[in-house]
Protein backbone atom coordinates (compact mmCIF):
# COMPACT_ATOMS: atom_id res chain seq x y z
CA MET A 1 3.35 -48.85 0.93
CA SER A 2 2.73 -49.19 4.65
CA GLU A 3 0.88 -52.69 5.27
CA LEU A 4 -1.25 -50.54 7.82
CA LYS A 5 -4.72 -49.75 6.78
CA GLU A 6 -7.36 -47.23 8.14
CA LYS A 7 -10.88 -48.47 8.46
CA CYS A 8 -12.61 -45.12 6.95
CA GLY A 9 -13.48 -41.61 6.55
CA VAL A 10 -16.38 -39.64 7.23
CA PHE A 11 -17.87 -36.78 5.86
CA GLY A 12 -21.19 -34.97 6.10
CA VAL A 13 -22.87 -31.36 4.93
CA TYR A 14 -25.97 -29.58 6.11
CA GLY A 15 -26.93 -26.30 4.61
CA LYS A 16 -30.02 -24.97 2.62
CA ASP A 17 -29.77 -24.96 -1.13
CA LEU A 18 -26.33 -27.05 -0.87
CA GLU A 19 -26.05 -29.62 -3.39
CA ALA A 20 -25.45 -32.20 -0.09
CA SER A 21 -25.12 -35.28 -2.17
CA ARG A 22 -22.49 -33.87 -4.72
CA LEU A 23 -20.49 -32.17 -2.28
CA THR A 24 -20.09 -35.46 -0.06
CA PHE A 25 -19.09 -37.16 -3.13
CA PHE A 26 -16.31 -35.22 -3.86
CA GLY A 27 -15.46 -34.80 0.04
CA LEU A 28 -15.69 -38.74 -0.06
CA TYR A 29 -13.44 -38.75 -3.18
CA ALA A 30 -10.56 -36.44 -1.15
CA LEU A 31 -10.79 -38.86 1.63
CA GLN A 32 -10.79 -42.28 -0.60
CA HIS A 33 -7.01 -43.02 0.83
CA ARG A 34 -8.61 -43.74 4.07
CA GLY A 35 -10.61 -46.74 2.51
CA GLN A 36 -11.01 -48.16 -0.94
CA GLU A 37 -13.33 -51.24 -0.42
CA GLY A 38 -16.63 -49.44 -0.43
CA ALA A 39 -18.59 -46.13 0.06
CA GLY A 40 -22.34 -44.68 0.55
CA ILE A 41 -23.76 -41.76 0.89
CA VAL A 42 -27.39 -41.09 2.82
CA THR A 43 -29.41 -37.69 2.08
CA SER A 44 -32.24 -36.10 3.50
CA ASP A 45 -34.91 -33.78 2.03
CA GLY A 46 -36.23 -32.93 5.55
CA LYS A 47 -39.00 -35.83 5.44
CA LYS A 48 -37.28 -38.72 3.97
CA LEU A 49 -33.85 -40.56 3.78
CA ARG A 50 -32.15 -42.04 0.43
CA ALA A 51 -29.18 -44.16 0.31
CA HIS A 52 -26.64 -45.46 -2.19
CA LYS A 53 -23.90 -47.69 -1.36
CA GLY A 54 -21.56 -49.64 -3.18
CA MET A 55 -17.97 -51.84 -3.07
CA GLY A 56 -15.25 -50.41 -4.62
CA LEU A 57 -13.79 -46.98 -5.12
CA VAL A 58 -15.98 -43.82 -4.61
CA SER A 59 -15.61 -43.19 -8.51
CA SER A 60 -17.05 -46.34 -9.19
CA VAL A 61 -19.92 -46.35 -6.69
CA PHE A 62 -21.41 -43.11 -7.97
CA THR A 63 -22.60 -42.28 -10.96
CA GLU A 64 -24.37 -38.72 -11.92
CA GLU A 65 -27.84 -40.64 -11.66
CA HIS A 66 -27.21 -41.96 -8.29
CA ILE A 67 -26.17 -38.37 -7.13
CA GLU A 68 -29.12 -36.55 -8.79
CA ALA A 69 -31.26 -39.36 -7.24
CA LEU A 70 -29.88 -38.40 -3.56
CA ARG A 71 -32.07 -35.20 -2.83
CA GLY A 72 -31.46 -33.05 0.01
CA ASP A 73 -30.00 -30.35 2.12
CA CYS A 74 -28.29 -32.67 4.17
CA ALA A 75 -25.93 -35.55 3.64
CA VAL A 76 -23.66 -38.23 5.39
CA GLY A 77 -20.80 -40.36 3.53
CA HIS A 78 -18.33 -43.05 4.22
CA THR A 79 -15.42 -44.68 2.62
CA ARG A 80 -14.17 -48.00 3.97
CA TYR A 81 -11.69 -50.20 4.39
CA SER A 82 -13.03 -53.61 5.68
CA THR A 83 -11.35 -56.40 7.35
CA SER A 84 -11.19 -59.45 6.95
CA GLY A 85 -14.60 -61.47 6.99
CA SER A 86 -16.49 -58.07 6.81
CA LYS A 87 -16.51 -57.29 3.12
CA ALA A 88 -20.49 -57.88 2.36
CA ILE A 89 -22.67 -54.95 1.30
CA GLU A 90 -24.40 -54.84 4.22
CA HIS A 91 -21.50 -53.66 6.09
CA ILE A 92 -21.05 -50.94 3.99
CA GLN A 93 -21.87 -47.38 5.85
CA PRO A 94 -23.74 -45.39 6.77
CA ILE A 95 -25.72 -47.63 8.33
CA THR A 96 -29.48 -46.68 8.42
CA VAL A 97 -31.70 -48.06 11.37
CA GLN A 98 -35.30 -47.18 12.67
CA ASN A 99 -36.85 -47.64 9.45
CA ASN A 100 -34.39 -45.51 7.63
CA SER A 101 -34.60 -42.49 10.20
CA ILE A 102 -31.63 -42.66 11.20
CA ALA A 103 -28.06 -42.90 9.56
CA LEU A 104 -24.68 -43.65 10.98
CA ALA A 105 -21.26 -43.59 9.83
CA HIS A 106 -18.38 -44.03 12.21
CA ASN A 107 -14.53 -43.70 11.81
CA GLY A 108 -12.90 -45.81 14.43
CA ASN A 109 -13.09 -48.81 16.29
CA LEU A 110 -14.67 -50.18 19.90
CA PRO A 111 -11.99 -52.77 21.40
CA SER A 112 -14.68 -53.93 23.87
CA VAL A 113 -18.54 -54.19 22.97
CA THR A 114 -19.68 -55.72 26.11
CA ALA A 115 -21.89 -53.02 27.51
CA LEU A 116 -23.47 -52.82 24.15
CA ILE A 117 -24.15 -56.48 23.62
CA LYS A 118 -26.02 -56.31 27.37
CA PHE A 119 -27.94 -53.13 26.36
CA LEU A 120 -29.26 -54.77 22.98
CA ASP A 121 -29.82 -58.25 24.75
CA LYS A 122 -32.25 -56.45 26.98
CA ARG A 123 -34.17 -55.23 24.40
CA GLY A 124 -33.87 -58.70 22.55
CA ILE A 125 -31.73 -57.03 19.47
CA THR A 126 -28.99 -59.16 18.32
CA VAL A 127 -26.16 -58.35 15.97
CA PRO A 128 -24.57 -61.69 14.57
CA ASP A 129 -21.23 -60.85 13.92
CA GLU A 130 -21.05 -58.19 16.70
CA MET A 131 -19.69 -55.36 14.31
CA ASP A 132 -19.20 -52.23 16.17
CA SER A 133 -20.33 -49.69 14.12
CA ILE A 134 -24.07 -51.69 13.63
CA MET A 135 -24.42 -52.23 17.49
CA MET A 136 -23.90 -48.67 17.80
CA ALA A 137 -26.66 -47.53 15.26
CA LYS A 138 -29.03 -50.02 16.43
CA ALA A 139 -28.42 -49.12 20.19
CA LEU A 140 -29.17 -45.60 19.43
CA GLY A 141 -32.57 -46.71 17.24
CA ALA A 142 -33.62 -48.65 20.27
CA LEU A 143 -33.71 -45.63 22.13
CA VAL A 144 -35.46 -43.43 19.64
CA SER A 145 -37.98 -46.47 19.52
CA GLU A 146 -39.02 -46.04 22.95
CA GLY A 147 -39.24 -42.16 22.57
CA VAL A 148 -36.33 -40.97 23.48
CA GLU A 149 -35.30 -37.76 21.34
CA ILE A 150 -32.14 -38.06 19.00
CA GLU A 151 -29.81 -35.82 21.23
CA LYS A 152 -30.91 -37.24 24.56
CA ALA A 153 -30.71 -40.88 23.13
CA ILE A 154 -27.03 -39.91 22.25
CA GLU A 155 -26.17 -38.80 25.57
CA GLU A 156 -27.50 -41.81 27.25
CA ILE A 157 -25.89 -44.36 24.73
CA PHE A 158 -22.62 -42.28 24.99
CA PRO A 159 -21.03 -44.14 28.06
CA LEU A 160 -21.86 -47.34 26.32
CA PHE A 161 -19.03 -46.94 23.54
CA THR A 162 -16.12 -47.65 25.00
CA GLY A 163 -13.49 -46.99 22.36
CA ALA A 164 -12.31 -44.78 19.45
CA PHE A 165 -14.74 -43.12 17.49
CA SER A 166 -15.76 -40.03 15.27
CA LEU A 167 -19.42 -40.35 14.33
CA LEU A 168 -21.63 -38.66 12.17
CA ILE A 169 -25.13 -39.08 12.92
CA MET A 170 -28.32 -38.08 10.48
CA THR A 171 -31.80 -37.53 10.80
CA SER A 172 -34.33 -36.42 8.55
CA ASP A 173 -33.35 -32.72 10.12
CA LYS A 174 -30.60 -32.97 12.01
CA LEU A 175 -26.70 -33.69 11.51
CA ILE A 176 -24.86 -34.63 14.49
CA ALA A 177 -21.27 -35.21 14.73
CA LEU A 178 -19.82 -36.72 17.82
CA ARG A 179 -16.17 -37.83 19.05
CA ASP A 180 -14.72 -40.02 21.91
CA SER A 181 -13.41 -38.24 25.03
CA LYS A 182 -9.99 -38.62 23.90
CA GLY A 183 -10.40 -37.88 20.09
CA VAL A 184 -8.42 -40.60 18.93
CA ARG A 185 -9.77 -40.33 15.30
CA PRO A 186 -9.85 -37.20 13.70
CA LEU A 187 -12.92 -34.90 12.67
CA SER A 188 -12.94 -31.38 11.53
CA ILE A 189 -15.69 -28.72 10.90
CA GLY A 190 -15.88 -25.90 8.29
CA THR A 191 -18.35 -23.43 6.80
CA LEU A 192 -19.93 -23.27 3.32
CA ASP A 193 -22.48 -20.71 2.27
CA GLY A 194 -24.35 -20.40 5.23
CA GLY A 195 -24.42 -24.45 6.00
CA TYR A 196 -21.73 -26.95 7.58
CA VAL A 197 -19.44 -29.20 6.71
CA PHE A 198 -17.82 -32.36 8.49
CA SER A 199 -14.90 -34.24 7.28
CA SER A 200 -12.48 -36.78 8.78
CA GLU A 201 -9.73 -34.50 7.47
CA THR A 202 -9.49 -30.90 6.28
CA CYS A 203 -8.26 -31.85 3.21
CA GLY A 204 -11.86 -33.09 2.72
CA LEU A 205 -13.01 -29.49 3.48
CA LYS A 206 -10.83 -27.68 1.18
CA THR A 207 -11.78 -29.77 -1.93
CA VAL A 208 -15.46 -28.85 -1.61
CA GLY A 209 -14.72 -25.02 -1.05
CA ALA A 210 -15.29 -24.63 2.86
CA ASP A 211 -13.67 -22.77 5.11
CA TYR A 212 -11.76 -24.44 7.99
CA LEU A 213 -14.00 -23.62 11.83
CA ARG A 214 -12.67 -25.86 14.43
CA GLU A 215 -12.24 -29.47 15.06
CA VAL A 216 -14.65 -31.20 16.84
CA GLN A 217 -13.55 -31.57 20.70
CA PRO A 218 -13.16 -35.02 22.45
CA GLY A 219 -16.24 -36.00 24.33
CA GLU A 220 -18.48 -33.15 22.48
CA MET A 221 -21.45 -33.40 20.54
CA VAL A 222 -21.95 -31.07 17.58
CA VAL A 223 -25.52 -30.51 16.47
CA VAL A 224 -26.86 -28.73 13.25
CA ASP A 225 -30.12 -28.06 12.18
CA ARG A 226 -32.36 -25.13 11.07
CA ASP A 227 -31.44 -23.11 14.41
CA GLY A 228 -27.89 -23.54 13.39
CA LEU A 229 -24.76 -24.95 15.26
CA ARG A 230 -24.78 -25.93 19.07
CA ALA A 231 -22.07 -27.89 21.01
CA THR A 232 -22.54 -30.09 24.01
CA GLN A 233 -19.62 -31.35 26.18
CA LEU A 234 -20.53 -34.89 27.00
CA ALA A 235 -17.62 -36.07 28.72
CA LYS A 236 -14.47 -34.68 30.04
CA GLY A 237 -12.38 -34.35 26.99
CA GLU A 238 -8.31 -35.20 26.73
CA THR A 239 -6.81 -34.96 23.31
CA LYS A 240 -5.11 -37.99 22.35
CA LEU A 241 -4.60 -37.77 18.75
CA ASP A 242 -3.56 -41.02 17.23
CA ILE A 243 0.18 -39.93 16.23
CA PHE A 244 -0.25 -42.53 13.05
CA GLU A 245 -2.22 -39.53 11.57
CA PHE A 246 0.96 -37.89 10.81
CA VAL A 247 3.10 -40.62 10.21
CA TYR A 248 0.85 -42.35 7.40
CA PHE A 249 -2.94 -42.07 7.47
CA SER A 250 -3.70 -38.41 6.63
CA ARG A 251 -3.15 -36.73 3.32
CA HIS A 252 -0.22 -34.35 3.18
CA ASP A 253 -2.24 -31.68 2.64
CA SER A 254 -4.28 -31.54 5.71
CA GLU A 255 -4.00 -30.09 9.24
CA HIS A 256 -4.26 -31.54 12.73
CA LEU A 257 -3.98 -29.50 16.09
CA GLY A 258 -3.19 -26.69 13.86
CA GLN A 259 -0.18 -28.53 12.35
CA SER A 260 0.53 -29.26 8.57
CA VAL A 261 0.81 -33.00 8.15
CA TYR A 262 3.20 -32.38 5.06
CA GLU A 263 5.67 -29.88 7.22
CA VAL A 264 5.29 -32.59 9.79
CA ARG A 265 6.66 -35.09 7.97
CA LYS A 266 9.59 -32.97 6.63
CA ARG A 267 10.51 -32.71 10.11
CA PHE A 268 10.76 -36.49 10.72
CA GLY A 269 13.30 -36.38 8.28
CA GLN A 270 15.04 -33.12 9.51
CA GLU A 271 15.12 -34.98 13.23
CA PHE A 272 16.54 -38.41 11.78
CA ALA A 273 19.17 -36.62 9.87
CA ARG A 274 20.15 -35.34 13.66
CA GLU A 275 20.20 -38.29 14.83
CA ASN A 276 21.54 -40.64 12.24
CA ILE A 277 24.49 -40.06 9.83
CA LEU A 278 24.70 -42.00 7.05
CA ASP A 279 27.10 -41.99 4.01
CA ALA A 280 25.15 -42.43 0.87
CA ASP A 281 25.00 -41.36 -2.57
CA VAL A 282 21.02 -40.75 -2.87
CA VAL A 283 17.88 -40.88 -0.73
CA ILE A 284 14.64 -42.23 -2.49
CA PRO A 285 11.23 -42.75 -0.76
CA VAL A 286 8.70 -45.25 -0.85
CA PRO A 287 6.16 -43.78 -2.53
CA GLU A 288 3.89 -41.78 -1.47
CA THR A 289 3.73 -41.25 2.28
CA ALA A 290 7.38 -41.30 3.07
CA ILE A 291 8.41 -38.77 -0.01
CA PRO A 292 8.20 -35.30 2.61
CA PHE A 293 10.18 -37.19 5.18
CA ALA A 294 12.93 -38.39 2.22
CA LEU A 295 12.78 -34.80 1.10
CA GLY A 296 13.45 -32.92 4.49
CA TYR A 297 16.23 -35.64 5.23
CA SER A 298 17.73 -34.74 2.16
CA GLN A 299 17.83 -30.70 2.52
CA GLU A 300 19.07 -31.26 6.31
CA THR A 301 22.01 -33.66 4.93
CA GLY A 302 22.58 -32.38 1.38
CA ILE A 303 22.24 -36.22 0.06
CA PRO A 304 20.22 -35.71 -3.50
CA PHE A 305 16.98 -36.69 -3.24
CA GLU A 306 15.37 -38.58 -6.24
CA MET A 307 12.43 -40.48 -6.95
CA GLY A 308 13.86 -44.08 -7.26
CA LEU A 309 10.61 -45.72 -6.89
CA THR A 310 7.72 -45.46 -9.13
CA LYS A 311 4.09 -46.57 -7.70
CA ASN A 312 1.26 -47.81 -9.67
CA ARG A 313 -1.26 -46.67 -7.80
CA TYR A 314 -4.44 -48.46 -8.37
CA ILE A 315 -2.97 -52.06 -8.94
CA HIS A 316 -3.56 -52.93 -4.88
CA ARG A 317 -7.49 -51.67 -5.69
CA THR A 318 -8.66 -53.94 -7.98
CA PHE A 319 -11.04 -56.59 -7.40
CA ILE A 320 -9.55 -59.01 -9.71
CA SER A 321 -7.56 -61.67 -8.24
CA PRO A 322 -3.69 -61.87 -9.48
CA GLY A 323 -2.66 -65.40 -10.87
CA GLN A 324 0.13 -67.41 -8.96
CA GLN A 325 2.51 -66.20 -11.36
CA LEU A 326 1.75 -62.46 -10.45
CA ARG A 327 1.55 -63.46 -6.99
CA GLU A 328 5.04 -64.36 -6.88
CA ARG A 329 6.03 -60.95 -8.17
CA GLY A 330 4.88 -59.22 -5.29
CA VAL A 331 5.67 -55.95 -4.67
CA GLN A 332 6.91 -55.51 -8.27
CA MET A 333 3.29 -55.36 -9.26
CA LYS A 334 3.10 -52.53 -7.34
CA LEU A 335 6.25 -50.57 -7.66
CA SER A 336 9.12 -50.18 -10.24
CA VAL A 337 12.58 -49.32 -9.97
CA LEU A 338 14.56 -46.52 -11.91
CA ARG A 339 17.46 -48.37 -12.34
CA ARG A 340 19.31 -45.08 -13.55
CA VAL A 341 19.04 -43.41 -10.23
CA ILE A 342 20.30 -46.19 -8.60
CA GLU A 343 22.91 -47.90 -10.11
CA ASN A 344 26.03 -48.31 -8.48
CA LYS A 345 24.81 -46.08 -5.75
CA ARG A 346 24.72 -46.44 -2.14
CA VAL A 347 20.79 -45.86 -1.40
CA ILE A 348 19.31 -44.69 1.26
CA VAL A 349 15.57 -46.02 0.88
CA ALA A 350 13.03 -43.97 3.38
CA ASP A 351 9.47 -45.52 4.31
CA ASP A 352 6.79 -44.64 7.14
CA SER A 353 6.57 -47.47 9.14
CA ILE A 354 7.26 -51.44 8.72
CA VAL A 355 4.45 -53.64 9.89
CA ARG A 356 5.49 -57.19 9.00
CA GLY A 357 8.56 -56.52 7.03
CA THR A 358 7.83 -58.74 3.85
CA THR A 359 7.25 -55.72 1.62
CA SER A 360 10.36 -53.84 2.92
CA ARG A 361 12.21 -57.15 2.18
CA GLN A 362 11.18 -57.08 -1.50
CA ILE A 363 11.76 -53.26 -1.72
CA VAL A 364 15.66 -53.99 -0.69
CA ASP A 365 15.84 -57.14 -3.22
CA LEU A 366 14.34 -55.04 -5.69
CA LEU A 367 17.06 -52.32 -5.08
CA PHE A 368 19.92 -54.31 -5.22
CA ALA A 369 18.38 -56.55 -8.34
CA ALA A 370 18.56 -53.13 -9.98
CA GLY A 371 22.52 -52.54 -9.12
CA ALA A 372 22.48 -50.74 -5.87
CA LYS A 373 25.64 -50.95 -4.04
CA GLU A 374 24.35 -50.46 -0.78
CA VAL A 375 20.53 -50.05 0.80
CA HIS A 376 19.93 -48.59 3.87
CA PHE A 377 16.24 -48.76 5.00
CA VAL A 378 15.48 -45.79 7.27
CA VAL A 379 11.60 -45.34 8.92
CA SER A 380 10.28 -42.23 9.75
CA SER A 381 8.73 -43.84 13.16
CA PRO A 382 9.98 -46.12 15.81
CA PRO A 383 9.70 -49.79 15.50
CA ILE A 384 5.96 -50.99 16.05
CA ARG A 385 5.88 -53.11 18.39
CA PHE A 386 2.07 -53.39 19.94
CA PRO A 387 -1.18 -54.36 18.02
CA ASP A 388 -3.99 -51.39 17.44
CA PHE A 389 -7.66 -51.41 18.57
CA TYR A 390 -9.01 -48.08 17.70
CA GLY A 391 -9.30 -48.58 13.94
CA ILE A 392 -5.90 -49.55 12.60
CA ASP A 393 -6.09 -52.75 10.99
CA THR A 394 -2.74 -54.34 12.52
CA PRO A 395 -1.89 -58.00 12.62
CA THR A 396 -1.47 -59.58 16.16
CA GLN A 397 1.47 -58.69 18.08
CA GLU A 398 3.23 -61.76 17.17
CA SER A 399 3.03 -61.12 13.67
CA LEU A 400 4.58 -57.22 14.08
CA PHE A 401 8.07 -57.22 12.84
CA ALA A 402 9.31 -55.41 15.50
CA SER A 403 7.52 -57.32 18.46
CA THR A 404 10.21 -60.01 18.81
CA ARG A 405 13.30 -58.94 16.97
CA SER A 406 16.21 -56.96 17.50
CA ILE A 407 17.12 -54.10 15.38
CA GLU A 408 19.99 -56.37 13.74
CA ASP A 409 17.78 -59.21 13.38
CA MET A 410 15.39 -57.04 11.45
CA ARG A 411 17.98 -55.88 9.30
CA ALA A 412 19.37 -59.37 8.47
CA TYR A 413 15.69 -60.24 7.63
CA LEU A 414 15.38 -57.38 5.51
CA HIS A 415 18.87 -57.91 3.43
CA ALA A 416 19.70 -54.23 3.92
CA THR A 417 23.08 -52.83 4.34
CA SER A 418 21.65 -50.74 7.67
CA LEU A 419 18.70 -50.16 9.30
CA HIS A 420 17.66 -47.14 11.25
CA PHE A 421 14.32 -45.90 12.90
CA LEU A 422 13.61 -42.62 13.82
CA SER A 423 13.37 -42.13 17.73
CA PHE A 424 10.07 -42.04 19.94
CA GLU A 425 11.23 -38.54 21.18
CA GLY A 426 12.38 -37.57 17.33
CA MET A 427 8.84 -38.32 16.29
CA ILE A 428 7.32 -35.99 19.07
CA ARG A 429 9.66 -33.53 18.56
CA ALA A 430 8.77 -33.01 14.81
CA THR A 431 5.45 -32.99 15.54
CA GLY A 432 5.99 -29.56 17.52
CA LEU A 433 3.33 -30.49 19.71
CA SER A 434 3.57 -31.89 23.22
CA GLY A 435 3.67 -35.54 23.85
CA SER A 436 0.83 -35.72 25.85
CA LEU A 437 -1.27 -34.81 22.75
CA PHE A 438 -0.99 -38.11 21.20
CA SER A 439 -1.97 -41.68 21.34
CA THR A 440 1.24 -43.48 20.61
CA SER A 441 -0.10 -47.20 21.82
CA CYS A 442 1.13 -48.82 18.82
CA PHE A 443 5.03 -47.52 19.81
CA SER A 444 4.75 -47.47 23.47
CA GLY A 445 1.95 -49.83 24.25
CA VAL A 446 0.27 -46.91 26.41
CA TYR A 447 -3.36 -47.21 25.47
CA PRO A 448 -5.28 -44.10 26.26
CA VAL A 449 -8.98 -45.66 25.92
CA ASP A 450 -9.25 -48.43 28.47
CA LEU A 451 -9.08 -52.18 26.33
CA LYS A 452 -11.10 -53.81 29.05
CA GLU A 453 -11.00 -57.78 28.18
CA ARG A 454 -8.77 -57.24 25.06
CA LEU A 455 -5.94 -56.16 27.30
CA ALA A 456 -5.17 -59.81 27.66
CA GLU A 457 -4.12 -59.84 24.19
CA VAL A 458 -1.32 -57.48 24.65
CA ARG A 459 2.14 -58.79 25.94
CA PHE A 460 4.36 -56.19 27.42
CA ASP A 461 7.61 -58.04 28.53
CA ASN A 462 8.68 -57.55 24.68
CA PRO A 463 12.52 -58.39 24.26
CA THR A 464 13.12 -56.23 21.55
CA THR A 465 16.42 -54.69 21.80
CA LEU A 466 15.53 -50.90 20.84
């Protein structure tokens, strides 16, 4: 139920006699949570690239006929969440350039595209909406058109990609994975029947039966072709994985940095219980990301865990706009309350984060309307006080709930009996890893990748009382 949105997931397959398009379809299906507005697959048979893209869920974009037509032993796929103003079909990835000889799929965001614009301007190439993924693809295509071999072209263009990116790049005979020097967005490698599989999350590898090999390292280029797999370090790497992969984005059954997402989320609940003593009758999660958090809290405190809220998983993915009468019902279209679970009880409701606060307030109001005596709102992460520039669709800083409010002001706005956040230190402890391995910019205002001109959009004199 978080209001944060990821921009996409990427998936790729290379291997003789592998049904690359079919495997990529199911890989994207496993990554559907990372983007629901569009999907695409490009394949290669060693000579020609073929593509199919469309708006909507993976299952609605592709038919059996599409999959069979996408012939080849190599494929790259993309499932996308589009930001406002970029929902046109031409923005669906993978992007193809150079007479459909190169395909590129991108997870992440470049806060600054100044260097890319200069590079393209010198060659007379314009990108009207300055979409970073298209600019990256066109810059790469420009070098290849000048006779530069694809791997050398990537090495040359890499310093111009100033931001967060996990990329899959495909030519007629190669599949190349590339990650920014901080490793902000995840990308894993698996093996399958003598071939290789790449996925934004390990859940995608499991879905197609691939064995996990390792992660693409920060600043690394991994190339797969008929000679096998080889890796080149393009820049000094330093792991700064976005901690929101553990808080919200990744599926429960994925792993990052050797840690289970599910177990980390349970430990969020255990850490929270050690930091906050609450007197209540039942703890319920806001489905689905907060379920392990609520379960861990319940196990640590002995307060019974119940599913007091039921989610309609698909209502928010429809392309049919609700009428005014339905819009006014807001969150009731997405959640229903199990009255018998919460009636006449002191309820702890657990969520992963609060962005603008409007959905959270509606949930509190729903619970009180269903007969809850008290509603204590608890969150498995610290307050989000800073905007993201690395591939999360956050609102402006002024629109962030915690940016200008104290805890008490936030509680009053939510109409909650009490409001509690997991501490920053507790969040890090729950990962079982060093805090130095994470990008925590939304919480801390520390941006591991230089924002350049976009830094002016961030206000650091934040008055919030934590």
